[in-house]
Amino acid sequence: MIKGENRMSIKEGFIDVTGGKVWYQIHDEQTNNAPVLILHGGPGSSHWSLQGLKELAEVRPIILYDQLGCGNSDRPKDTSLWTIDRFVEEVRELKEGLELEEFHILGHSWGTTLAAAYYLKHPEEVQSIIFSSPCLSAPIWADDQQKNLQKLPIDVQNTIKECEANGNTDSEEYKKATKVFNDHFVCRLPETERPAFLKEGSKYRNSEIYNIMWGASEFHVAGNLKNFDCTKDLHKITVPTLYTCGRFDEATPESTEYFSSLTPNSKFHVFEQSAHMPYIEETEEFLRIMKEFLIKN
């Protein structure tokens, strides 16, 4: 591609899935390569904070989409829809609707849970997987957050414990305490340096989905994902796989490297200046590592 020449095409629309319609957007620089499907975090967040990944279209078409119930997608009231099995089926329906013969997956956070569950059920067309800040075992994740909590000031730890014990997770003191946690382990950039779209993304979330699937607290899994753990099946992932996390990530380097060690054809990378959002905290380096992997695979 000639420097300065812009061949980017953007296509968006809706695909029918079980329970409603989901919104998608394809960024394509006409590389004729198999696309990358981006699976956002949550459960119940949206593509909003990951929109910078459209830059990866330099090497492969990028498909952003909002999972059912959040973002630009339909918000059905049927709470029975909020299960991992239905979300796996949603990915399959999206793949069919977009007529994808082969594709790559980049999942972030809960998106890695979904990516693993999808591949283990439908490995056929998946060419490679990127697990960005992975959550592949709810029990391991919960244990890691307890360890992370112990790295915070004792008054913050006590506030979080007391509010959760008393059911006061909607209180201002709990919100202030969890902000301290988030500033350590979710995004370490000062508020003034965070992109505007990061704050705007909050209006696209659906907390009901998060509460049903995960629970009211980040630190204790009480939802229907409580027993999710696919570590015993990671050896079945045989496509090229990249595991990444931030040095200060909720998805700890120790656990992320452990998942990688169980996956035969995998590589592991740590973003040294990041927590859970290296695609925002170290954007250039994150995109470089992703492009390097996607070009090779």
C-alpha atoms as a PDB file:
ATOM      1  CA  MET A   1       0.000   0.000   0.000  1.00  0.00           C
ATOM      2  CA  ILE A   2       1.361   3.411  -1.002  1.00  0.00           C
ATOM      3  CA  LYS A   3       2.064   5.695   1.967  1.00  0.00           C
ATOM      4  CA  GLY A   4      -0.782   8.159   2.388  1.00  0.00           C
ATOM      5  CA  GLU A   5      -3.153   6.227   0.148  1.00  0.00           C
ATOM      6  CA  ASN A   6      -6.370   5.400   1.984  1.00  0.00           C
ATOM      7  CA  ARG A   7      -8.197   2.302   0.811  1.00  0.00           C
ATOM      8  CA  MET A   8     -10.040   1.774   4.071  1.00  0.00           C
ATOM      9  CA  SER A   9     -13.645   0.741   3.703  1.00  0.00           C
ATOM     10  CA  ILE A  10     -16.050   0.669   6.632  1.00  0.00           C
ATOM     11  CA  LYS A  11     -19.160  -1.448   6.564  1.00  0.00           C
ATOM     12  CA  GLU A  12     -21.642  -1.815   9.375  1.00  0.00           C
ATOM     13  CA  GLY A  13     -24.997  -3.409   9.972  1.00  0.00           C
ATOM     14  CA  PHE A  14     -26.934  -5.890  12.094  1.00  0.00           C
ATOM     15  CA  ILE A  15     -27.033  -9.681  12.205  1.00  0.00           C
ATOM     16  CA  ASP A  16     -29.917 -11.738  13.591  1.00  0.00           C
ATOM     17  CA  VAL A  17     -28.895 -13.935  16.521  1.00  0.00           C
ATOM     18  CA  THR A  18     -30.804 -15.833  19.182  1.00  0.00           C
ATOM     19  CA  GLY A  19     -32.618 -13.163  21.201  1.00  0.00           C
ATOM     20  CA  GLY A  20     -32.276 -10.188  18.862  1.00  0.00           C
ATOM     21  CA  LYS A  21     -29.924  -8.346  16.519  1.00  0.00           C
ATOM     22  CA  VAL A  22     -26.250  -7.581  17.086  1.00  0.00           C
ATOM     23  CA  TRP A  23     -24.403  -4.639  15.562  1.00  0.00           C
ATOM     24  CA  TYR A  24     -21.110  -5.092  13.709  1.00  0.00           C
ATOM     25  CA  GLN A  25     -18.602  -2.866  11.936  1.00  0.00           C
ATOM     26  CA  ILE A  26     -15.947  -4.087   9.500  1.00  0.00           C
ATOM     27  CA  HIS A  27     -12.767  -2.078   8.836  1.00  0.00           C
ATOM     28  CA  ASP A  28     -11.044  -3.319   5.705  1.00  0.00           C
ATOM     29  CA  GLU A  29      -7.997  -2.036   3.809  1.00  0.00           C
ATOM     30  CA  GLN A  30      -8.628  -4.667   1.136  1.00  0.00           C
ATOM     31  CA  THR A  31      -5.740  -6.906   2.161  1.00  0.00           C
ATOM     32  CA  ASN A  32      -7.653 -10.045   1.068  1.00  0.00           C
ATOM     33  CA  ASN A  33      -6.581 -11.666   4.334  1.00  0.00           C
ATOM     34  CA  ALA A  34      -8.859 -13.584   6.710  1.00  0.00           C
ATOM     35  CA  PRO A  35     -10.441 -11.116   9.159  1.00  0.00           C
ATOM     36  CA  VAL A  36     -10.012 -10.746  12.910  1.00  0.00           C
ATOM     37  CA  LEU A  37     -13.152 -10.935  15.036  1.00  0.00           C
ATOM     38  CA  ILE A  38     -12.839  -8.782  18.173  1.00  0.00           C
ATOM     39  CA  LEU A  39     -14.597 -10.130  21.268  1.00  0.00           C
ATOM     40  CA  HIS A  40     -14.992  -7.363  23.843  1.00  0.00           C
ATOM     41  CA  GLY A  41     -14.978  -7.640  27.620  1.00  0.00           C
ATOM     42  CA  GLY A  42     -17.661  -7.527  30.256  1.00  0.00           C
ATOM     43  CA  PRO A  43     -19.845  -9.471  30.298  1.00  0.00           C
ATOM     44  CA  GLY A  44     -22.089  -6.611  29.286  1.00  0.00           C
ATOM     45  CA  SER A  45     -19.542  -4.058  28.049  1.00  0.00           C
ATOM     46  CA  SER A  46     -19.150  -3.092  24.364  1.00  0.00           C
ATOM     47  CA  HIS A  47     -16.616  -2.579  21.593  1.00  0.00           C
ATOM     48  CA  TRP A  48     -16.331   1.071  22.652  1.00  0.00           C
ATOM     49  CA  SER A  49     -12.987   1.005  24.494  1.00  0.00           C
ATOM     50  CA  LEU A  50     -11.514  -1.320  21.839  1.00  0.00           C
ATOM     51  CA  GLN A  51     -12.318   0.896  18.870  1.00  0.00           C
ATOM     52  CA  GLY A  52      -8.618   1.739  18.436  1.00  0.00           C
ATOM     53  CA  LEU A  53      -8.071  -1.832  17.246  1.00  0.00           C
ATOM     54  CA  LYS A  54      -9.446  -0.785  13.853  1.00  0.00           C
ATOM     55  CA  GLU A  55      -5.817   0.237  13.191  1.00  0.00           C
ATOM     56  CA  LEU A  56      -5.039  -3.468  12.831  1.00  0.00           C
ATOM     57  CA  ALA A  57      -6.911  -3.345   9.515  1.00  0.00           C
ATOM     58  CA  GLU A  58      -3.523  -2.509   7.986  1.00  0.00           C
ATOM     59  CA  VAL A  59      -2.783  -6.236   8.116  1.00  0.00           C
ATOM     60  CA  ARG A  60      -6.207  -7.930   8.341  1.00  0.00           C
ATOM     61  CA  PRO A  61      -9.841  -6.798   8.134  1.00  0.00           C
ATOM     62  CA  ILE A  62     -11.118  -6.050  11.630  1.00  0.00           C
ATOM     63  CA  ILE A  63     -14.635  -6.937  12.758  1.00  0.00           C
ATOM     64  CA  LEU A  64     -15.847  -5.033  15.802  1.00  0.00           C
ATOM     65  CA  TYR A  65     -19.207  -6.032  17.221  1.00  0.00           C
ATOM     66  CA  ASP A  66     -21.348  -5.449  20.294  1.00  0.00           C
ATOM     67  CA  GLN A  67     -22.549  -8.573  22.015  1.00  0.00           C
ATOM     68  CA  LEU A  68     -26.303  -8.839  22.506  1.00  0.00           C
ATOM     69  CA  GLY A  69     -27.599  -6.674  25.327  1.00  0.00           C
ATOM     70  CA  CYS A  70     -25.030  -3.880  25.108  1.00  0.00           C
ATOM     71  CA  GLY A  71     -23.542  -1.217  22.866  1.00  0.00           C
ATOM     72  CA  ASN A  72     -25.446  -0.683  19.632  1.00  0.00           C
ATOM     73  CA  SER A  73     -27.027  -4.137  19.752  1.00  0.00           C
ATOM     74  CA  ASP A  74     -30.556  -5.016  20.893  1.00  0.00           C
ATOM     75  CA  ARG A  75     -31.264  -5.116  24.632  1.00  0.00           C
ATOM     76  CA  PRO A  76     -33.812  -7.899  25.159  1.00  0.00           C
ATOM     77  CA  LYS A  77     -35.417  -8.272  28.586  1.00  0.00           C
ATOM     78  CA  ASP A  78     -35.172 -12.082  28.635  1.00  0.00           C
ATOM     79  CA  THR A  79     -32.574 -12.766  31.354  1.00  0.00           C
ATOM     80  CA  SER A  80     -32.299 -16.436  30.340  1.00  0.00           C
ATOM     81  CA  LEU A  81     -30.206 -15.235  27.384  1.00  0.00           C
ATOM     82  CA  TRP A  82     -27.246 -14.330  29.573  1.00  0.00           C
ATOM     83  CA  THR A  83     -25.291 -17.586  29.552  1.00  0.00           C
ATOM     84  CA  ILE A  84     -21.938 -18.474  28.032  1.00  0.00           C
ATOM     85  CA  ASP A  85     -23.522 -21.152  25.839  1.00  0.00           C
ATOM     86  CA  ARG A  86     -25.827 -18.601  24.221  1.00  0.00           C
ATOM     87  CA  PHE A  87     -22.941 -16.182  23.675  1.00  0.00           C
ATOM     88  CA  VAL A  88     -20.978 -18.996  21.995  1.00  0.00           C
ATOM     89  CA  GLU A  89     -23.987 -19.592  19.749  1.00  0.00           C
ATOM     90  CA  GLU A  90     -24.100 -15.842  19.071  1.00  0.00           C
ATOM     91  CA  VAL A  91     -20.546 -15.907  17.735  1.00  0.00           C
ATOM     92  CA  ARG A  92     -21.452 -18.842  15.494  1.00  0.00           C
ATOM     93  CA  GLU A  93     -24.538 -16.991  14.214  1.00  0.00           C
ATOM     94  CA  LEU A  94     -22.459 -13.869  13.572  1.00  0.00           C
ATOM     95  CA  LYS A  95     -19.884 -15.934  11.674  1.00  0.00           C
ATOM     96  CA  GLU A  96     -22.645 -17.488   9.558  1.00  0.00           C
ATOM     97  CA  GLY A  97     -24.340 -14.143   8.983  1.00  0.00           C
ATOM     98  CA  LEU A  98     -21.093 -12.550   7.797  1.00  0.00           C
ATOM     99  CA  GLU A  99     -20.255 -15.665   5.739  1.00  0.00           C
ATOM    100  CA  LEU A 100     -16.820 -16.059   7.288  1.00  0.00           C
ATOM    101  CA  GLU A 101     -15.052 -19.110   5.898  1.00  0.00           C
ATOM    102  CA  GLU A 102     -12.016 -18.629   8.123  1.00  0.00           C
ATOM    103  CA  PHE A 103     -11.122 -15.993  10.675  1.00  0.00           C
ATOM    104  CA  HIS A 104      -8.914 -15.077  13.614  1.00  0.00           C
ATOM    105  CA  ILE A 105     -10.121 -14.153  17.104  1.00  0.00           C
ATOM    106  CA  LEU A 106      -8.847 -11.425  19.412  1.00  0.00           C
ATOM    107  CA  GLY A 107     -10.608 -11.552  22.761  1.00  0.00           C
ATOM    108  CA  HIS A 108     -10.063  -9.225  25.690  1.00  0.00           C
ATOM    109  CA  SER A 109     -10.898 -10.096  29.317  1.00  0.00           C
ATOM    110  CA  TRP A 110     -14.359 -11.798  29.302  1.00  0.00           C
ATOM    111  CA  GLY A 111     -13.874 -11.865  25.528  1.00  0.00           C
ATOM    112  CA  THR A 112     -11.118 -14.447  26.094  1.00  0.00           C
ATOM    113  CA  THR A 113     -13.539 -16.593  28.105  1.00  0.00           C
ATOM    114  CA  LEU A 114     -15.878 -16.477  25.129  1.00  0.00           C
ATOM    115  CA  ALA A 115     -13.044 -17.039  22.630  1.00  0.00           C
ATOM    116  CA  ALA A 116     -11.879 -20.191  24.409  1.00  0.00           C
ATOM    117  CA  ALA A 117     -15.405 -21.552  24.820  1.00  0.00           C
ATOM    118  CA  TYR A 118     -16.144 -20.871  21.149  1.00  0.00           C
ATOM    119  CA  TYR A 119     -12.960 -22.516  19.859  1.00  0.00           C
ATOM    120  CA  LEU A 120     -13.403 -25.586  22.050  1.00  0.00           C
ATOM    121  CA  LYS A 121     -16.852 -26.096  20.525  1.00  0.00           C
ATOM    122  CA  HIS A 122     -16.225 -24.841  16.966  1.00  0.00           C
ATOM    123  CA  PRO A 123     -12.501 -25.029  16.125  1.00  0.00           C
ATOM    124  CA  GLU A 124     -12.986 -25.536  12.389  1.00  0.00           C
ATOM    125  CA  GLU A 125     -12.561 -22.072  10.830  1.00  0.00           C
ATOM    126  CA  VAL A 126     -10.476 -20.385  13.565  1.00  0.00           C
ATOM    127  CA  GLN A 127      -6.965 -19.677  12.269  1.00  0.00           C
ATOM    128  CA  SER A 128      -5.406 -18.176  15.408  1.00  0.00           C
ATOM    129  CA  ILE A 129      -6.384 -16.724  18.781  1.00  0.00           C
ATOM    130  CA  ILE A 130      -5.134 -13.745  20.785  1.00  0.00           C
ATOM    131  CA  PHE A 131      -5.995 -13.928  24.489  1.00  0.00           C
ATOM    132  CA  SER A 132      -5.587 -10.343  25.738  1.00  0.00           C
ATOM    133  CA  SER A 133      -5.693 -10.167  29.562  1.00  0.00           C
ATOM    134  CA  PRO A 134      -7.327 -13.588  29.780  1.00  0.00           C
ATOM    135  CA  CYS A 135      -9.946 -14.893  32.186  1.00  0.00           C
ATOM    136  CA  LEU A 136      -9.924 -18.632  31.497  1.00  0.00           C
ATOM    137  CA  SER A 137     -10.720 -19.748  35.032  1.00  0.00           C
ATOM    138  CA  ALA A 138     -13.171 -17.882  37.243  1.00  0.00           C
ATOM    139  CA  PRO A 139     -11.729 -19.445  40.434  1.00  0.00           C
ATOM    140  CA  ILE A 140      -8.170 -18.438  39.461  1.00  0.00           C
ATOM    141  CA  TRP A 141      -9.361 -14.920  38.561  1.00  0.00           C
ATOM    142  CA  ALA A 142     -11.135 -14.505  41.906  1.00  0.00           C
ATOM    143  CA  ASP A 143      -8.079 -15.777  43.790  1.00  0.00           C
ATOM    144  CA  ASP A 144      -5.833 -13.355  41.896  1.00  0.00           C
ATOM    145  CA  GLN A 145      -8.064 -10.404  42.808  1.00  0.00           C
ATOM    146  CA  GLN A 146      -7.824 -11.307  46.493  1.00  0.00           C
ATOM    147  CA  LYS A 147      -4.038 -11.217  46.124  1.00  0.00           C
ATOM    148  CA  ASN A 148      -4.260  -7.889  44.281  1.00  0.00           C
ATOM    149  CA  LEU A 149      -6.455  -6.429  47.019  1.00  0.00           C
ATOM    150  CA  GLN A 150      -3.740  -7.205  49.546  1.00  0.00           C
ATOM    151  CA  LYS A 151      -1.385  -4.880  47.644  1.00  0.00           C
ATOM    152  CA  LEU A 152      -3.648  -1.880  48.363  1.00  0.00           C
ATOM    153  CA  PRO A 153      -3.716   0.338  51.499  1.00  0.00           C
ATOM    154  CA  ILE A 154      -5.353  -1.436  54.428  1.00  0.00           C
ATOM    155  CA  ASP A 155      -8.172   1.125  54.698  1.00  0.00           C
ATOM    156  CA  VAL A 156      -9.126   0.459  51.054  1.00  0.00           C
ATOM    157  CA  GLN A 157      -9.082  -3.294  51.687  1.00  0.00           C
ATOM    158  CA  ASN A 158     -11.279  -2.901  54.764  1.00  0.00           C
ATOM    159  CA  THR A 159     -13.783  -0.661  52.979  1.00  0.00           C
ATOM    160  CA  ILE A 160     -14.198  -3.155  50.145  1.00  0.00           C
ATOM    161  CA  LYS A 161     -14.562  -6.103  52.520  1.00  0.00           C
ATOM    162  CA  GLU A 162     -17.034  -4.338  54.807  1.00  0.00           C
ATOM    163  CA  CYS A 163     -19.199  -2.977  51.983  1.00  0.00           C
ATOM    164  CA  GLU A 164     -19.386  -6.387  50.339  1.00  0.00           C
ATOM    165  CA  ALA A 165     -20.172  -8.113  53.613  1.00  0.00           C
ATOM    166  CA  ASN A 166     -22.979  -5.603  54.322  1.00  0.00           C
ATOM    167  CA  GLY A 167     -24.321  -5.458  50.766  1.00  0.00           C
ATOM    168  CA  ASN A 168     -23.293  -1.799  50.359  1.00  0.00           C
ATOM    169  CA  THR A 169     -21.652  -2.131  46.947  1.00  0.00           C
ATOM    170  CA  ASP A 170     -23.686   0.829  45.653  1.00  0.00           C
ATOM    171  CA  SER A 171     -22.292   3.167  48.318  1.00  0.00           C
ATOM    172  CA  GLU A 172     -19.972   6.086  47.544  1.00  0.00           C
ATOM    173  CA  GLU A 173     -17.280   4.730  49.869  1.00  0.00           C
ATOM    174  CA  TYR A 174     -17.262   1.427  47.976  1.00  0.00           C
ATOM    175  CA  LYS A 175     -17.051   3.245  44.633  1.00  0.00           C
ATOM    176  CA  LYS A 176     -14.095   5.306  45.891  1.00  0.00           C
ATOM    177  CA  ALA A 177     -12.329   2.193  47.156  1.00  0.00           C
ATOM    178  CA  THR A 178     -12.869   0.277  43.908  1.00  0.00           C
ATOM    179  CA  LYS A 179     -11.544   3.298  42.000  1.00  0.00           C
ATOM    180  CA  VAL A 180      -8.269   2.884  43.894  1.00  0.00           C
ATOM    181  CA  PHE A 181      -8.234  -0.773  42.815  1.00  0.00           C
ATOM    182  CA  ASN A 182      -9.041   0.169  39.215  1.00  0.00           C
ATOM    183  CA  ASP A 183      -6.305   2.819  39.118  1.00  0.00           C
ATOM    184  CA  HIS A 184      -3.827   0.123  40.142  1.00  0.00           C
ATOM    185  CA  PHE A 185      -4.996  -2.919  38.197  1.00  0.00           C
ATOM    186  CA  VAL A 186      -7.347  -1.806  35.382  1.00  0.00           C
ATOM    187  CA  CYS A 187      -5.928   1.413  33.884  1.00  0.00           C
ATOM    188  CA  ARG A 188      -2.870   3.156  35.293  1.00  0.00           C
ATOM    189  CA  LEU A 189      -3.069   6.245  33.115  1.00  0.00           C
ATOM    190  CA  PRO A 190      -3.976   9.456  34.969  1.00  0.00           C
ATOM    191  CA  GLU A 191      -7.563  10.561  34.311  1.00  0.00           C
ATOM    192  CA  THR A 192      -6.287  13.512  32.253  1.00  0.00           C
ATOM    193  CA  GLU A 193      -4.417  11.208  29.874  1.00  0.00           C
ATOM    194  CA  ARG A 194      -7.227   8.749  29.231  1.00  0.00           C
ATOM    195  CA  PRO A 195      -9.006   9.053  25.862  1.00  0.00           C
ATOM    196  CA  ALA A 196     -12.403  10.728  25.992  1.00  0.00           C
ATOM    197  CA  PHE A 197     -14.102   7.699  24.454  1.00  0.00           C
ATOM    198  CA  LEU A 198     -13.134   5.611  27.486  1.00  0.00           C
ATOM    199  CA  LYS A 199     -15.534   7.577  29.716  1.00  0.00           C
ATOM    200  CA  GLU A 200     -18.174   7.729  27.000  1.00  0.00           C
ATOM    201  CA  GLY A 201     -18.202   3.939  26.808  1.00  0.00           C
ATOM    202  CA  SER A 202     -19.873   3.593  30.200  1.00  0.00           C
ATOM    203  CA  LYS A 203     -23.278   4.453  28.728  1.00  0.00           C
ATOM    204  CA  TYR A 204     -23.054   1.422  26.405  1.00  0.00           C
ATOM    205  CA  ARG A 205     -22.672  -1.104  29.236  1.00  0.00           C
ATOM    206  CA  ASN A 206     -25.370  -3.376  30.609  1.00  0.00           C
ATOM    207  CA  SER A 207     -24.724  -4.036  34.294  1.00  0.00           C
ATOM    208  CA  GLU A 208     -27.587  -6.551  34.474  1.00  0.00           C
ATOM    209  CA  ILE A 209     -25.652  -8.971  32.251  1.00  0.00           C
ATOM    210  CA  TYR A 210     -22.523  -8.516  34.369  1.00  0.00           C
ATOM    211  CA  ASN A 211     -24.436  -9.118  37.594  1.00  0.00           C
ATOM    212  CA  ILE A 212     -26.159 -12.256  36.274  1.00  0.00           C
ATOM    213  CA  MET A 213     -23.026 -13.801  34.798  1.00  0.00           C
ATOM    214  CA  TRP A 214     -20.297 -12.552  37.158  1.00  0.00           C
ATOM    215  CA  GLY A 215     -21.940 -10.956  40.201  1.00  0.00           C
ATOM    216  CA  ALA A 216     -22.118  -7.600  41.968  1.00  0.00           C
ATOM    217  CA  SER A 217     -18.381  -7.548  42.735  1.00  0.00           C
ATOM    218  CA  GLU A 218     -15.226  -7.948  40.684  1.00  0.00           C
ATOM    219  CA  PHE A 219     -13.636  -9.759  43.601  1.00  0.00           C
ATOM    220  CA  HIS A 220     -16.096 -12.617  44.131  1.00  0.00           C
ATOM    221  CA  VAL A 221     -17.707 -14.615  41.337  1.00  0.00           C
ATOM    222  CA  ALA A 222     -21.341 -15.206  42.289  1.00  0.00           C
ATOM    223  CA  GLY A 223     -22.942 -15.410  38.832  1.00  0.00           C
ATOM    224  CA  ASN A 224     -23.391 -18.292  36.402  1.00  0.00           C
ATOM    225  CA  LEU A 225     -19.713 -18.117  35.375  1.00  0.00           C
ATOM    226  CA  LYS A 226     -18.701 -19.047  38.920  1.00  0.00           C
ATOM    227  CA  ASN A 227     -17.429 -22.496  37.997  1.00  0.00           C
ATOM    228  CA  PHE A 228     -16.072 -21.687  34.541  1.00  0.00           C
ATOM    229  CA  ASP A 229     -12.595 -23.149  34.141  1.00  0.00           C
ATOM    230  CA  CYS A 230     -11.251 -24.373  30.815  1.00  0.00           C
ATOM    231  CA  THR A 231      -7.634 -24.886  31.884  1.00  0.00           C
ATOM    232  CA  LYS A 232      -7.948 -28.676  31.498  1.00  0.00           C
ATOM    233  CA  ASP A 233      -8.914 -28.153  27.837  1.00  0.00           C
ATOM    234  CA  LEU A 234      -6.293 -25.579  26.804  1.00  0.00           C
ATOM    235  CA  HIS A 235      -4.117 -28.367  25.358  1.00  0.00           C
ATOM    236  CA  LYS A 236      -6.834 -28.785  22.707  1.00  0.00           C
ATOM    237  CA  ILE A 237      -6.113 -25.324  21.274  1.00  0.00           C
ATOM    238  CA  THR A 238      -3.687 -26.195  18.495  1.00  0.00           C
ATOM    239  CA  VAL A 239      -3.818 -23.047  16.341  1.00  0.00           C
ATOM    240  CA  PRO A 240      -1.184 -20.307  16.810  1.00  0.00           C
ATOM    241  CA  THR A 241      -2.057 -18.546  20.053  1.00  0.00           C
ATOM    242  CA  LEU A 242      -0.794 -15.386  21.726  1.00  0.00           C
ATOM    243  CA  TYR A 243      -1.324 -14.642  25.413  1.00  0.00           C
ATOM    244  CA  THR A 244      -0.754 -11.069  26.584  1.00  0.00           C
ATOM    245  CA  CYS A 245      -1.331  -9.044  29.742  1.00  0.00           C
ATOM    246  CA  GLY A 246      -0.074  -5.972  31.538  1.00  0.00           C
ATOM    247  CA  ARG A 247       2.571  -6.184  34.244  1.00  0.00           C
ATOM    248  CA  PHE A 248       0.005  -4.845  36.765  1.00  0.00           C
ATOM    249  CA  ASP A 249      -3.023  -6.550  35.198  1.00  0.00           C
ATOM    250  CA  GLU A 250      -6.024  -8.053  36.967  1.00  0.00           C
ATOM    251  CA  ALA A 251      -5.183 -10.924  34.624  1.00  0.00           C
ATOM    252  CA  THR A 252      -1.867 -11.448  36.352  1.00  0.00           C
ATOM    253  CA  PRO A 253       1.322 -12.291  34.440  1.00  0.00           C
ATOM    254  CA  GLU A 254       1.658 -15.445  36.568  1.00  0.00           C
ATOM    255  CA  SER A 255      -1.782 -16.788  35.622  1.00  0.00           C
ATOM    256  CA  THR A 256      -1.500 -15.661  31.999  1.00  0.00           C
ATOM    257  CA  GLU A 257       1.842 -17.430  31.616  1.00  0.00           C
ATOM    258  CA  TYR A 258       0.330 -20.505  33.257  1.00  0.00           C
ATOM    259  CA  PHE A 259      -2.484 -20.579  30.672  1.00  0.00           C
ATOM    260  CA  SER A 260       0.111 -20.187  27.922  1.00  0.00           C
ATOM    261  CA  SER A 261       2.125 -23.117  29.313  1.00  0.00           C
ATOM    262  CA  LEU A 262      -0.939 -25.341  28.878  1.00  0.00           C
ATOM    263  CA  THR A 263      -1.440 -24.325  25.241  1.00  0.00           C
ATOM    264  CA  PRO A 264       0.906 -26.139  22.826  1.00  0.00           C
ATOM    265  CA  ASN A 265       1.363 -23.605  20.019  1.00  0.00           C
ATOM    266  CA  SER A 266       1.396 -20.421  22.088  1.00  0.00           C
ATOM    267  CA  LYS A 267       3.505 -17.395  22.916  1.00  0.00           C
ATOM    268  CA  PHE A 268       3.377 -15.082  25.932  1.00  0.00           C
ATOM    269  CA  HIS A 269       3.998 -11.330  26.176  1.00  0.00           C
ATOM    270  CA  VAL A 270       3.810  -8.812  29.036  1.00  0.00           C
ATOM    271  CA  PHE A 271       3.236  -5.082  28.494  1.00  0.00           C
ATOM    272  CA  GLU A 272       5.523  -3.655  31.149  1.00  0.00           C
ATOM    273  CA  GLN A 273       3.789  -0.278  31.664  1.00  0.00           C
ATOM    274  CA  SER A 274       0.188  -1.493  31.681  1.00  0.00           C
ATOM    275  CA  ALA A 275      -2.578  -2.912  33.806  1.00  0.00           C
ATOM    276  CA  HIS A 276      -5.739  -4.372  32.210  1.00  0.00           C
ATOM    277  CA  MET A 277      -5.912  -1.965  29.252  1.00  0.00           C
ATOM    278  CA  PRO A 278      -2.576  -2.085  27.403  1.00  0.00           C
ATOM    279  CA  TYR A 279      -4.422  -1.208  24.175  1.00  0.00           C
ATOM    280  CA  ILE A 280      -4.976   2.215  25.797  1.00  0.00           C
ATOM    281  CA  GLU A 281      -2.049   2.406  28.222  1.00  0.00           C
ATOM    282  CA  GLU A 282       0.590   1.377  25.639  1.00  0.00           C
ATOM    283  CA  THR A 283      -1.315   1.763  22.384  1.00  0.00           C
ATOM    284  CA  GLU A 284       1.611   1.792  19.949  1.00  0.00           C
ATOM    285  CA  GLU A 285       3.340  -1.181  21.547  1.00  0.00           C
ATOM    286  CA  PHE A 286       0.071  -3.124  21.798  1.00  0.00           C
ATOM    287  CA  LEU A 287      -0.694  -2.578  18.114  1.00  0.00           C
ATOM    288  CA  ARG A 288       2.886  -3.503  17.165  1.00  0.00           C
ATOM    289  CA  ILE A 289       2.732  -6.830  19.000  1.00  0.00           C
ATOM    290  CA  MET A 290      -0.722  -7.626  17.587  1.00  0.00           C
ATOM    291  CA  LYS A 291       0.309  -6.802  13.997  1.00  0.00           C
ATOM    292  CA  GLU A 292       3.488  -8.851  14.344  1.00  0.00           C
ATOM    293  CA  PHE A 293       1.476 -11.901  15.416  1.00  0.00           C
ATOM    294  CA  LEU A 294      -1.282 -11.432  12.832  1.00  0.00           C
ATOM    295  CA  ILE A 295       1.200 -11.001   9.967  1.00  0.00           C
ATOM    296  CA  LYS A 296       2.941 -14.262  10.877  1.00  0.00           C
ATOM    297  CA  ASN A 297      -0.285 -16.187  11.289  1.00  0.00           C
END
